[in-house]
Amino acid sequence: MTPIEFFQDLSNPTLSFLPKALLVSLFSSVICGVIGSFVVLRGMAFIGDAVSHAVFPGLAVAFVVQGNLMLGGAAAGILTAVLVALFSQNRRIKEDSLIGVIFAAAFALGIIIISRSPGYAGSLESFLFGSITGIPMEDVWTVGIGGAGVLLIVAIFGKEFVAVSVDRDMARAVGLPVLWLDMLLYVLVTIAVVLSLQTIGNILVLALLITPAAAARLLTDRLGVMMILAPLIGGFSAITGLYISWSLDFPVGGTIVLVATSLFLLAWLFAPKHGLLGKVRQQRTRVIDNDSHLMKDRFIENHSQ
């Protein structure tokens, strides 16, 4: 299938699920790209994995009572995020250890709850691997509005998030409410994860949160530029991944993640300053410069005698 045929299918009324899938993929990529920038900056990739597991009991309860899965997952994830933020203030136990304890317990609770409901297998598969082609229009609105809210909060508290991420002790010393900022950032991570679950599922959602931001981190040292590049990389991965999956009948979520991973590998290799080849080139340049300076010093020394 050519790209032109793909865009023709997007405008085909009988394939109305396809543009909805594209919209949700783009919304999720932008949201995860922005929030993922803070996650990568703070080195807290584990929290994304934790939240994706922690939403499970909320989804299970919502499924059992036939409620809104997105709201159920968000409630459980936010509760878990608040607990992690509270417990992590005790520096005796590291943050990643607390996350491991809490998300494992939450996931186990979700398994028990959902196993008590008949016909849970199909819902569990959808939760694990995503169901982007079956998204109703109201969920598209939910992802769009929720994502806009997340981006607005980041715009308001962005400087504070950066201060806490770079130096928590300094942020606390200048009077910033570190605990509340931690809670707010964890809640935003939770919302980003929940909004993206239908796109690529629970298993792969961490990749959408981390991979584009990690690629952007290799390409720039400026957080503002990184927060622009990460959504662009994620959005390109979503469009390209959806096109490839539609053309070759591949799973959408896995294809999007593999495209994003390919872009990360390209950045890892070719990034001008932090890429592997860029570092080799810089090292060779330093060696050449040192040799030229040494030859110049020897020339001056020989002609001064």
C-alpha atoms as a PDB file:
ATOM      1  CA  MET A   1       0.000   0.000   0.000  1.00  0.00           C
ATOM      2  CA  THR A   2       1.338   3.417  -0.949  1.00  0.00           C
ATOM      3  CA  PRO A   3       1.070   6.418   1.408  1.00  0.00           C
ATOM      4  CA  ILE A   4      -1.463   7.975  -0.978  1.00  0.00           C
ATOM      5  CA  GLU A   5      -3.705   4.906  -0.707  1.00  0.00           C
ATOM      6  CA  PHE A   6      -3.356   5.036   3.063  1.00  0.00           C
ATOM      7  CA  PHE A   7      -4.543   8.640   3.197  1.00  0.00           C
ATOM      8  CA  GLN A   8      -7.393   7.725   0.858  1.00  0.00           C
ATOM      9  CA  ASP A   9      -8.454   5.050   3.343  1.00  0.00           C
ATOM     10  CA  LEU A  10      -8.371   7.677   6.098  1.00  0.00           C
ATOM     11  CA  SER A  11     -11.075   9.609   4.224  1.00  0.00           C
ATOM     12  CA  ASN A  12     -13.138   6.504   3.445  1.00  0.00           C
ATOM     13  CA  PRO A  13     -16.455   6.668   5.411  1.00  0.00           C
ATOM     14  CA  THR A  14     -16.591   2.874   5.696  1.00  0.00           C
ATOM     15  CA  LEU A  15     -13.252   2.929   7.517  1.00  0.00           C
ATOM     16  CA  SER A  16     -14.243   5.496  10.125  1.00  0.00           C
ATOM     17  CA  PHE A  17     -12.222   3.698  12.811  1.00  0.00           C
ATOM     18  CA  LEU A  18      -8.954   4.491  10.995  1.00  0.00           C
ATOM     19  CA  PRO A  19      -8.897   8.300  11.435  1.00  0.00           C
ATOM     20  CA  LYS A  20      -9.994   7.814  15.058  1.00  0.00           C
ATOM     21  CA  ALA A  21      -7.072   5.456  15.568  1.00  0.00           C
ATOM     22  CA  LEU A  22      -4.736   8.023  14.019  1.00  0.00           C
ATOM     23  CA  LEU A  23      -6.058  10.845  16.210  1.00  0.00           C
ATOM     24  CA  VAL A  24      -5.743   8.846  19.413  1.00  0.00           C
ATOM     25  CA  SER A  25      -2.238   7.725  18.441  1.00  0.00           C
ATOM     26  CA  LEU A  26      -1.157  11.319  17.800  1.00  0.00           C
ATOM     27  CA  PHE A  27      -2.759  12.615  21.016  1.00  0.00           C
ATOM     28  CA  SER A  28      -1.112   9.863  23.046  1.00  0.00           C
ATOM     29  CA  SER A  29       2.277  10.458  21.418  1.00  0.00           C
ATOM     30  CA  VAL A  30       2.216  14.189  22.150  1.00  0.00           C
ATOM     31  CA  ILE A  31       1.125  13.696  25.758  1.00  0.00           C
ATOM     32  CA  CYS A  32       3.659  10.955  26.441  1.00  0.00           C
ATOM     33  CA  GLY A  33       6.406  12.894  24.668  1.00  0.00           C
ATOM     34  CA  VAL A  34       5.991  15.940  26.912  1.00  0.00           C
ATOM     35  CA  ILE A  35       5.561  14.034  30.178  1.00  0.00           C
ATOM     36  CA  GLY A  36       8.231  11.538  29.162  1.00  0.00           C
ATOM     37  CA  SER A  37      10.742  14.379  28.941  1.00  0.00           C
ATOM     38  CA  PHE A  38      10.445  14.917  32.692  1.00  0.00           C
ATOM     39  CA  VAL A  39      10.486  11.170  33.322  1.00  0.00           C
ATOM     40  CA  VAL A  40      13.757  10.784  31.381  1.00  0.00           C
ATOM     41  CA  LEU A  41      15.232  13.931  32.954  1.00  0.00           C
ATOM     42  CA  ARG A  42      14.570  12.574  36.452  1.00  0.00           C
ATOM     43  CA  GLY A  43      15.639   9.044  35.621  1.00  0.00           C
ATOM     44  CA  MET A  44      12.277   7.717  36.822  1.00  0.00           C
ATOM     45  CA  ALA A  45      11.389   5.416  33.934  1.00  0.00           C
ATOM     46  CA  PHE A  46      10.304   2.799  36.455  1.00  0.00           C
ATOM     47  CA  ILE A  47       7.345   4.959  37.515  1.00  0.00           C
ATOM     48  CA  GLY A  48       5.843   4.633  34.041  1.00  0.00           C
ATOM     49  CA  ASP A  49       6.001   0.860  34.253  1.00  0.00           C
ATOM     50  CA  ALA A  50       4.635   0.996  37.787  1.00  0.00           C
ATOM     51  CA  VAL A  51       1.655   3.140  36.839  1.00  0.00           C
ATOM     52  CA  SER A  52       0.811   0.931  33.867  1.00  0.00           C
ATOM     53  CA  HIS A  53       0.511  -1.976  36.319  1.00  0.00           C
ATOM     54  CA  ALA A  54      -1.109   0.065  39.068  1.00  0.00           C
ATOM     55  CA  VAL A  55      -4.090   1.020  36.900  1.00  0.00           C
ATOM     56  CA  PHE A  56      -4.980  -2.653  36.574  1.00  0.00           C
ATOM     57  CA  PRO A  57      -7.167  -2.959  39.710  1.00  0.00           C
ATOM     58  CA  GLY A  58      -9.112   0.151  38.705  1.00  0.00           C
ATOM     59  CA  LEU A  59      -9.696  -1.285  35.254  1.00  0.00           C
ATOM     60  CA  ALA A  60     -10.710  -4.586  36.826  1.00  0.00           C
ATOM     61  CA  VAL A  61     -13.253  -2.967  39.135  1.00  0.00           C
ATOM     62  CA  ALA A  62     -14.636  -0.840  36.284  1.00  0.00           C
ATOM     63  CA  PHE A  63     -14.943  -3.945  34.106  1.00  0.00           C
ATOM     64  CA  VAL A  64     -16.721  -5.926  36.824  1.00  0.00           C
ATOM     65  CA  VAL A  65     -19.251  -3.156  37.529  1.00  0.00           C
ATOM     66  CA  GLN A  66     -19.465  -2.286  33.804  1.00  0.00           C
ATOM     67  CA  GLY A  67     -18.197   1.232  34.388  1.00  0.00           C
ATOM     68  CA  ASN A  68     -15.840   3.450  32.387  1.00  0.00           C
ATOM     69  CA  LEU A  69     -12.489   1.647  32.103  1.00  0.00           C
ATOM     70  CA  MET A  70     -10.521   4.849  31.588  1.00  0.00           C
ATOM     71  CA  LEU A  71     -11.926   6.490  34.706  1.00  0.00           C
ATOM     72  CA  GLY A  72     -11.388   3.346  36.754  1.00  0.00           C
ATOM     73  CA  GLY A  73      -7.793   3.057  35.643  1.00  0.00           C
ATOM     74  CA  ALA A  74      -7.140   6.738  36.266  1.00  0.00           C
ATOM     75  CA  ALA A  75      -8.527   6.534  39.812  1.00  0.00           C
ATOM     76  CA  ALA A  76      -6.348   3.537  40.694  1.00  0.00           C
ATOM     77  CA  GLY A  77      -3.254   5.016  39.054  1.00  0.00           C
ATOM     78  CA  ILE A  78      -3.631   8.392  40.757  1.00  0.00           C
ATOM     79  CA  LEU A  79      -4.117   6.729  44.156  1.00  0.00           C
ATOM     80  CA  THR A  80      -0.962   4.687  43.604  1.00  0.00           C
ATOM     81  CA  ALA A  81       0.982   7.744  42.441  1.00  0.00           C
ATOM     82  CA  VAL A  82      -0.003   9.677  45.557  1.00  0.00           C
ATOM     83  CA  LEU A  83       1.042   6.754  47.774  1.00  0.00           C
ATOM     84  CA  VAL A  84       4.420   6.518  46.053  1.00  0.00           C
ATOM     85  CA  ALA A  85       4.981  10.266  46.429  1.00  0.00           C
ATOM     86  CA  LEU A  86       4.107  10.123  50.125  1.00  0.00           C
ATOM     87  CA  PHE A  87       6.204   7.082  50.983  1.00  0.00           C
ATOM     88  CA  SER A  88       9.183   8.244  48.911  1.00  0.00           C
ATOM     89  CA  GLN A  89       9.678  11.244  51.189  1.00  0.00           C
ATOM     90  CA  ASN A  90      11.294   8.785  53.616  1.00  0.00           C
ATOM     91  CA  ARG A  91      14.785   8.557  52.115  1.00  0.00           C
ATOM     92  CA  ARG A  92      15.545   5.353  54.032  1.00  0.00           C
ATOM     93  CA  ILE A  93      13.795   3.406  51.275  1.00  0.00           C
ATOM     94  CA  LYS A  94      14.596   4.339  47.692  1.00  0.00           C
ATOM     95  CA  GLU A  95      11.843   5.407  45.339  1.00  0.00           C
ATOM     96  CA  ASP A  96      12.275   2.469  42.961  1.00  0.00           C
ATOM     97  CA  SER A  97      11.915  -0.012  45.831  1.00  0.00           C
ATOM     98  CA  LEU A  98       8.647   1.574  46.941  1.00  0.00           C
ATOM     99  CA  ILE A  99       7.346   1.588  43.383  1.00  0.00           C
ATOM    100  CA  GLY A 100       8.176  -2.099  43.051  1.00  0.00           C
ATOM    101  CA  VAL A 101       6.283  -2.992  46.216  1.00  0.00           C
ATOM    102  CA  ILE A 102       3.200  -0.921  45.433  1.00  0.00           C
ATOM    103  CA  PHE A 103       2.754  -1.722  41.750  1.00  0.00           C
ATOM    104  CA  ALA A 104       3.279  -5.459  42.303  1.00  0.00           C
ATOM    105  CA  ALA A 105       0.578  -5.446  44.994  1.00  0.00           C
ATOM    106  CA  ALA A 106      -1.757  -3.394  42.772  1.00  0.00           C
ATOM    107  CA  PHE A 107      -1.305  -5.705  39.811  1.00  0.00           C
ATOM    108  CA  ALA A 108      -1.884  -8.769  41.953  1.00  0.00           C
ATOM    109  CA  LEU A 109      -5.082  -7.219  43.322  1.00  0.00           C
ATOM    110  CA  GLY A 110      -6.267  -6.506  39.781  1.00  0.00           C
ATOM    111  CA  ILE A 111      -5.680 -10.102  38.733  1.00  0.00           C
ATOM    112  CA  ILE A 112      -7.760 -11.375  41.638  1.00  0.00           C
ATOM    113  CA  ILE A 113     -10.594  -8.937  40.982  1.00  0.00           C
ATOM    114  CA  ILE A 114     -10.871  -9.496  37.254  1.00  0.00           C
ATOM    115  CA  SER A 115     -10.531 -13.282  37.540  1.00  0.00           C
ATOM    116  CA  ARG A 116     -13.782 -13.331  39.519  1.00  0.00           C
ATOM    117  CA  SER A 117     -15.682 -11.949  36.538  1.00  0.00           C
ATOM    118  CA  PRO A 118     -16.824 -14.283  33.745  1.00  0.00           C
ATOM    119  CA  GLY A 119     -15.630 -13.422  30.259  1.00  0.00           C
ATOM    120  CA  TYR A 120     -12.668 -11.390  31.436  1.00  0.00           C
ATOM    121  CA  ALA A 121     -10.154 -12.939  29.000  1.00  0.00           C
ATOM    122  CA  GLY A 122     -11.057 -10.721  26.032  1.00  0.00           C
ATOM    123  CA  SER A 123     -10.979  -7.584  28.143  1.00  0.00           C
ATOM    124  CA  LEU A 124      -7.616  -8.591  29.578  1.00  0.00           C
ATOM    125  CA  GLU A 125      -6.170  -9.087  26.092  1.00  0.00           C
ATOM    126  CA  SER A 126      -7.433  -5.653  25.063  1.00  0.00           C
ATOM    127  CA  PHE A 127      -5.844  -4.150  28.181  1.00  0.00           C
ATOM    128  CA  LEU A 128      -2.503  -5.852  27.568  1.00  0.00           C
ATOM    129  CA  PHE A 129      -2.169  -5.200  23.834  1.00  0.00           C
ATOM    130  CA  GLY A 130      -4.471  -2.237  23.133  1.00  0.00           C
ATOM    131  CA  SER A 131      -7.591  -1.987  20.983  1.00  0.00           C
ATOM    132  CA  ILE A 132      -7.006   1.124  18.932  1.00  0.00           C
ATOM    133  CA  THR A 133      -9.221   0.109  15.996  1.00  0.00           C
ATOM    134  CA  GLY A 134     -12.221  -0.299  18.277  1.00  0.00           C
ATOM    135  CA  ILE A 135     -12.068   3.065  20.038  1.00  0.00           C
ATOM    136  CA  PRO A 136     -15.436   4.852  20.282  1.00  0.00           C
ATOM    137  CA  MET A 137     -15.655   8.542  19.455  1.00  0.00           C
ATOM    138  CA  GLU A 138     -16.252   9.521  23.084  1.00  0.00           C
ATOM    139  CA  ASP A 139     -12.860   8.053  24.001  1.00  0.00           C
ATOM    140  CA  VAL A 140     -11.234  10.151  21.292  1.00  0.00           C
ATOM    141  CA  TRP A 141     -12.725  13.234  22.949  1.00  0.00           C
ATOM    142  CA  THR A 142     -11.600  11.987  26.356  1.00  0.00           C
ATOM    143  CA  VAL A 143      -8.016  11.537  25.184  1.00  0.00           C
ATOM    144  CA  GLY A 144      -8.018  14.941  23.456  1.00  0.00           C
ATOM    145  CA  ILE A 145      -9.477  16.878  26.380  1.00  0.00           C
ATOM    146  CA  GLY A 146      -7.429  14.979  28.957  1.00  0.00           C
ATOM    147  CA  GLY A 147      -4.270  15.563  26.955  1.00  0.00           C
ATOM    148  CA  ALA A 148      -5.000  19.287  26.659  1.00  0.00           C
ATOM    149  CA  GLY A 149      -5.408  19.442  30.443  1.00  0.00           C
ATOM    150  CA  VAL A 150      -2.076  17.678  30.972  1.00  0.00           C
ATOM    151  CA  LEU A 151      -0.272  20.049  28.612  1.00  0.00           C
ATOM    152  CA  LEU A 152      -1.853  23.073  30.308  1.00  0.00           C
ATOM    153  CA  ILE A 153      -0.634  21.936  33.732  1.00  0.00           C
ATOM    154  CA  VAL A 154       2.860  21.340  32.346  1.00  0.00           C
ATOM    155  CA  ALA A 155       2.846  24.850  30.872  1.00  0.00           C
ATOM    156  CA  ILE A 156       1.915  26.298  34.281  1.00  0.00           C
ATOM    157  CA  PHE A 157       4.274  24.266  36.492  1.00  0.00           C
ATOM    158  CA  GLY A 158       7.043  23.448  33.991  1.00  0.00           C
ATOM    159  CA  LYS A 159       9.747  25.538  35.691  1.00  0.00           C
ATOM    160  CA  GLU A 160       8.938  24.043  39.080  1.00  0.00           C
ATOM    161  CA  PHE A 161       9.092  20.507  37.660  1.00  0.00           C
ATOM    162  CA  VAL A 162      12.499  21.277  36.186  1.00  0.00           C
ATOM    163  CA  ALA A 163      13.789  22.694  39.476  1.00  0.00           C
ATOM    164  CA  VAL A 164      12.686  19.614  41.429  1.00  0.00           C
ATOM    165  CA  SER A 165      14.041  17.284  38.757  1.00  0.00           C
ATOM    166  CA  VAL A 166      17.477  18.910  38.629  1.00  0.00           C
ATOM    167  CA  ASP A 167      18.103  19.478  42.367  1.00  0.00           C
ATOM    168  CA  ARG A 168      15.483  18.476  44.932  1.00  0.00           C
ATOM    169  CA  ASP A 169      17.424  19.853  47.901  1.00  0.00           C
ATOM    170  CA  MET A 170      17.886  23.237  46.250  1.00  0.00           C
ATOM    171  CA  ALA A 171      14.214  23.315  45.273  1.00  0.00           C
ATOM    172  CA  ARG A 172      13.248  22.602  48.865  1.00  0.00           C
ATOM    173  CA  ALA A 173      15.667  25.261  50.108  1.00  0.00           C
ATOM    174  CA  VAL A 174      14.082  27.979  47.951  1.00  0.00           C
ATOM    175  CA  GLY A 175      10.652  27.091  49.293  1.00  0.00           C
ATOM    176  CA  LEU A 176       9.146  24.973  46.542  1.00  0.00           C
ATOM    177  CA  PRO A 177       6.551  22.412  47.721  1.00  0.00           C
ATOM    178  CA  VAL A 178       8.535  19.356  46.595  1.00  0.00           C
ATOM    179  CA  LEU A 179       6.030  16.802  47.920  1.00  0.00           C
ATOM    180  CA  TRP A 180       3.083  18.391  46.106  1.00  0.00           C
ATOM    181  CA  LEU A 181       5.084  18.802  42.909  1.00  0.00           C
ATOM    182  CA  ASP A 182       6.081  15.133  43.089  1.00  0.00           C
ATOM    183  CA  MET A 183       2.446  14.152  43.522  1.00  0.00           C
ATOM    184  CA  LEU A 184       1.359  16.350  40.636  1.00  0.00           C
ATOM    185  CA  LEU A 185       4.029  14.957  38.303  1.00  0.00           C
ATOM    186  CA  TYR A 186       3.131  11.375  39.238  1.00  0.00           C
ATOM    187  CA  VAL A 187      -0.526  12.135  38.587  1.00  0.00           C
ATOM    188  CA  LEU A 188       0.349  13.553  35.170  1.00  0.00           C
ATOM    189  CA  VAL A 189       2.366  10.427  34.364  1.00  0.00           C
ATOM    190  CA  THR A 190      -0.646   8.363  35.420  1.00  0.00           C
ATOM    191  CA  ILE A 191      -3.012  10.314  33.171  1.00  0.00           C
ATOM    192  CA  ALA A 192      -0.594  10.038  30.235  1.00  0.00           C
ATOM    193  CA  VAL A 193      -0.361   6.274  30.729  1.00  0.00           C
ATOM    194  CA  VAL A 194      -4.116   5.775  31.098  1.00  0.00           C
ATOM    195  CA  LEU A 195      -4.861   7.870  28.015  1.00  0.00           C
ATOM    196  CA  SER A 196      -2.381   5.778  26.014  1.00  0.00           C
ATOM    197  CA  LEU A 197      -3.469   2.309  27.132  1.00  0.00           C
ATOM    198  CA  GLN A 198      -5.920   1.849  24.278  1.00  0.00           C
ATOM    199  CA  THR A 199      -3.288   2.877  21.748  1.00  0.00           C
ATOM    200  CA  ILE A 200      -0.592   0.306  22.508  1.00  0.00           C
ATOM    201  CA  GLY A 201      -1.739  -1.518  25.623  1.00  0.00           C
ATOM    202  CA  ASN A 202      -0.338  -2.013  29.086  1.00  0.00           C
ATOM    203  CA  ILE A 203       2.713  -3.997  28.026  1.00  0.00           C
ATOM    204  CA  LEU A 204       4.088  -1.414  25.582  1.00  0.00           C
ATOM    205  CA  VAL A 205       2.872   1.866  27.084  1.00  0.00           C
ATOM    206  CA  LEU A 206       6.211   2.464  28.819  1.00  0.00           C
ATOM    207  CA  ALA A 207       7.902   2.573  25.406  1.00  0.00           C
ATOM    208  CA  LEU A 208       5.650   5.390  24.206  1.00  0.00           C
ATOM    209  CA  LEU A 209       6.446   7.310  27.387  1.00  0.00           C
ATOM    210  CA  ILE A 210      10.214   6.795  27.372  1.00  0.00           C
ATOM    211  CA  THR A 211      11.562   6.018  23.879  1.00  0.00           C
ATOM    212  CA  PRO A 212      10.722   9.292  22.041  1.00  0.00           C
ATOM    213  CA  ALA A 213      11.912  11.345  25.016  1.00  0.00           C
ATOM    214  CA  ALA A 214      15.142   9.321  25.251  1.00  0.00           C
ATOM    215  CA  ALA A 215      15.775   9.871  21.534  1.00  0.00           C
ATOM    216  CA  ALA A 216      15.156  13.596  21.949  1.00  0.00           C
ATOM    217  CA  ARG A 217      17.543  13.642  24.922  1.00  0.00           C
ATOM    218  CA  LEU A 218      20.316  12.416  22.639  1.00  0.00           C
ATOM    219  CA  LEU A 219      19.616  15.194  20.144  1.00  0.00           C
ATOM    220  CA  THR A 220      19.598  18.225  22.450  1.00  0.00           C
ATOM    221  CA  ASP A 221      20.785  19.497  25.830  1.00  0.00           C
ATOM    222  CA  ARG A 222      17.882  21.938  26.217  1.00  0.00           C
ATOM    223  CA  LEU A 223      14.722  20.742  27.936  1.00  0.00           C
ATOM    224  CA  GLY A 224      12.490  23.104  25.939  1.00  0.00           C
ATOM    225  CA  VAL A 225      13.781  21.726  22.646  1.00  0.00           C
ATOM    226  CA  MET A 226      13.536  18.195  24.035  1.00  0.00           C
ATOM    227  CA  MET A 227       9.851  18.710  24.885  1.00  0.00           C
ATOM    228  CA  ILE A 228       9.254  19.715  21.260  1.00  0.00           C
ATOM    229  CA  LEU A 229      11.320  16.941  19.692  1.00  0.00           C
ATOM    230  CA  ALA A 230       9.867  14.127  21.818  1.00  0.00           C
ATOM    231  CA  PRO A 231       6.237  14.675  20.695  1.00  0.00           C
ATOM    232  CA  LEU A 232       7.415  15.074  17.098  1.00  0.00           C
ATOM    233  CA  ILE A 233       9.292  11.773  17.271  1.00  0.00           C
ATOM    234  CA  GLY A 234       6.317  10.120  18.945  1.00  0.00           C
ATOM    235  CA  GLY A 235       3.870  11.568  16.425  1.00  0.00           C
ATOM    236  CA  PHE A 236       5.986  10.437  13.474  1.00  0.00           C
ATOM    237  CA  SER A 237       6.202   6.976  15.065  1.00  0.00           C
ATOM    238  CA  ALA A 238       2.413   6.880  15.453  1.00  0.00           C
ATOM    239  CA  ILE A 239       1.688   7.870  11.837  1.00  0.00           C
ATOM    240  CA  THR A 240       4.358   5.615  10.376  1.00  0.00           C
ATOM    241  CA  GLY A 241       3.495   2.723  12.681  1.00  0.00           C
ATOM    242  CA  LEU A 242      -0.201   2.937  11.846  1.00  0.00           C
ATOM    243  CA  TYR A 243       0.591   3.079   8.121  1.00  0.00           C
ATOM    244  CA  ILE A 244       2.868   0.026   8.293  1.00  0.00           C
ATOM    245  CA  SER A 245       0.451  -1.942  10.461  1.00  0.00           C
ATOM    246  CA  TRP A 246      -2.478  -1.129   8.143  1.00  0.00           C
ATOM    247  CA  SER A 247      -0.455  -2.030   5.046  1.00  0.00           C
ATOM    248  CA  LEU A 248       1.038  -5.285   6.347  1.00  0.00           C
ATOM    249  CA  ASP A 249      -1.605  -6.311   8.890  1.00  0.00           C
ATOM    250  CA  PHE A 250       0.765  -5.975  11.849  1.00  0.00           C
ATOM    251  CA  PRO A 251      -0.358  -5.202  15.437  1.00  0.00           C
ATOM    252  CA  VAL A 252      -0.634  -1.418  15.729  1.00  0.00           C
ATOM    253  CA  GLY A 253       0.916  -0.957  19.169  1.00  0.00           C
ATOM    254  CA  GLY A 254       3.941  -3.115  18.515  1.00  0.00           C
ATOM    255  CA  THR A 255       4.575  -1.469  15.149  1.00  0.00           C
ATOM    256  CA  ILE A 256       4.454   2.036  16.646  1.00  0.00           C
ATOM    257  CA  VAL A 257       6.923   1.032  19.352  1.00  0.00           C
ATOM    258  CA  LEU A 258       9.330  -0.556  16.842  1.00  0.00           C
ATOM    259  CA  VAL A 259       9.280   2.599  14.708  1.00  0.00           C
ATOM    260  CA  ALA A 260      10.023   4.718  17.794  1.00  0.00           C
ATOM    261  CA  THR A 261      12.812   2.326  18.779  1.00  0.00           C
ATOM    262  CA  SER A 262      14.309   2.577  15.291  1.00  0.00           C
ATOM    263  CA  LEU A 263      14.354   6.372  15.621  1.00  0.00           C
ATOM    264  CA  PHE A 264      16.027   6.047  19.020  1.00  0.00           C
ATOM    265  CA  LEU A 265      18.735   3.815  17.521  1.00  0.00           C
ATOM    266  CA  LEU A 266      19.316   6.327  14.725  1.00  0.00           C
ATOM    267  CA  ALA A 267      19.686   9.097  17.323  1.00  0.00           C
ATOM    268  CA  TRP A 268      21.997   6.905  19.392  1.00  0.00           C
ATOM    269  CA  LEU A 269      24.203   6.398  16.355  1.00  0.00           C
ATOM    270  CA  PHE A 270      24.048   9.734  14.515  1.00  0.00           C
ATOM    271  CA  ALA A 271      23.209  12.449  17.074  1.00  0.00           C
ATOM    272  CA  PRO A 272      25.757  15.225  16.374  1.00  0.00           C
ATOM    273  CA  LYS A 273      26.983  15.626  19.955  1.00  0.00           C
ATOM    274  CA  HIS A 274      25.852  12.609  21.964  1.00  0.00           C
ATOM    275  CA  GLY A 275      25.576   9.933  19.277  1.00  0.00           C
ATOM    276  CA  LEU A 276      28.103   7.123  19.017  1.00  0.00           C
ATOM    277  CA  LEU A 277      29.510   8.281  15.683  1.00  0.00           C
ATOM    278  CA  GLY A 278      29.451  11.894  16.841  1.00  0.00           C
ATOM    279  CA  LYS A 279      31.543  11.016  19.890  1.00  0.00           C
ATOM    280  CA  VAL A 280      34.010   9.085  17.742  1.00  0.00           C
ATOM    281  CA  ARG A 281      34.270  12.073  15.411  1.00  0.00           C
ATOM    282  CA  GLN A 282      34.804  14.438  18.347  1.00  0.00           C
ATOM    283  CA  GLN A 283      37.479  12.167  19.776  1.00  0.00           C
ATOM    284  CA  ARG A 284      39.287  12.037  16.428  1.00  0.00           C
ATOM    285  CA  THR A 285      39.051  15.819  16.177  1.00  0.00           C
ATOM    286  CA  ARG A 286      40.604  16.188  19.627  1.00  0.00           C
ATOM    287  CA  VAL A 287      43.407  13.811  18.695  1.00  0.00           C
ATOM    288  CA  ILE A 288      44.096  15.724  15.469  1.00  0.00           C
ATOM    289  CA  ASP A 289      44.024  19.042  17.343  1.00  0.00           C
ATOM    290  CA  ASN A 290      46.439  17.704  19.971  1.00  0.00           C
ATOM    291  CA  ASP A 291      48.776  16.400  17.276  1.00  0.00           C
ATOM    292  CA  SER A 292      48.678  19.702  15.413  1.00  0.00           C
ATOM    293  CA  HIS A 293      49.396  21.641  18.597  1.00  0.00           C
ATOM    294  CA  LEU A 294      52.270  19.285  19.401  1.00  0.00           C
ATOM    295  CA  MET A 295      53.741  19.686  15.901  1.00  0.00           C
ATOM    296  CA  LYS A 296      53.369  23.453  16.162  1.00  0.00           C
ATOM    297  CA  ASP A 297      55.155  23.493  19.530  1.00  0.00           C
ATOM    298  CA  ARG A 298      57.967  21.368  18.137  1.00  0.00           C
ATOM    299  CA  PHE A 299      58.283  23.621  15.073  1.00  0.00           C
ATOM    300  CA  ILE A 300      58.538  26.719  17.268  1.00  0.00           C
ATOM    301  CA  GLU A 301      61.034  25.007  19.535  1.00  0.00           C
ATOM    302  CA  ASN A 302      63.239  23.889  16.636  1.00  0.00           C
ATOM    303  CA  HIS A 303      63.276  27.341  15.012  1.00  0.00           C
ATOM    304  CA  SER A 304      63.908  29.155  18.238  1.00  0.00           C
ATOM    305  CA  GLN A 305      67.194  27.374  18.814  1.00  0.00           C
END
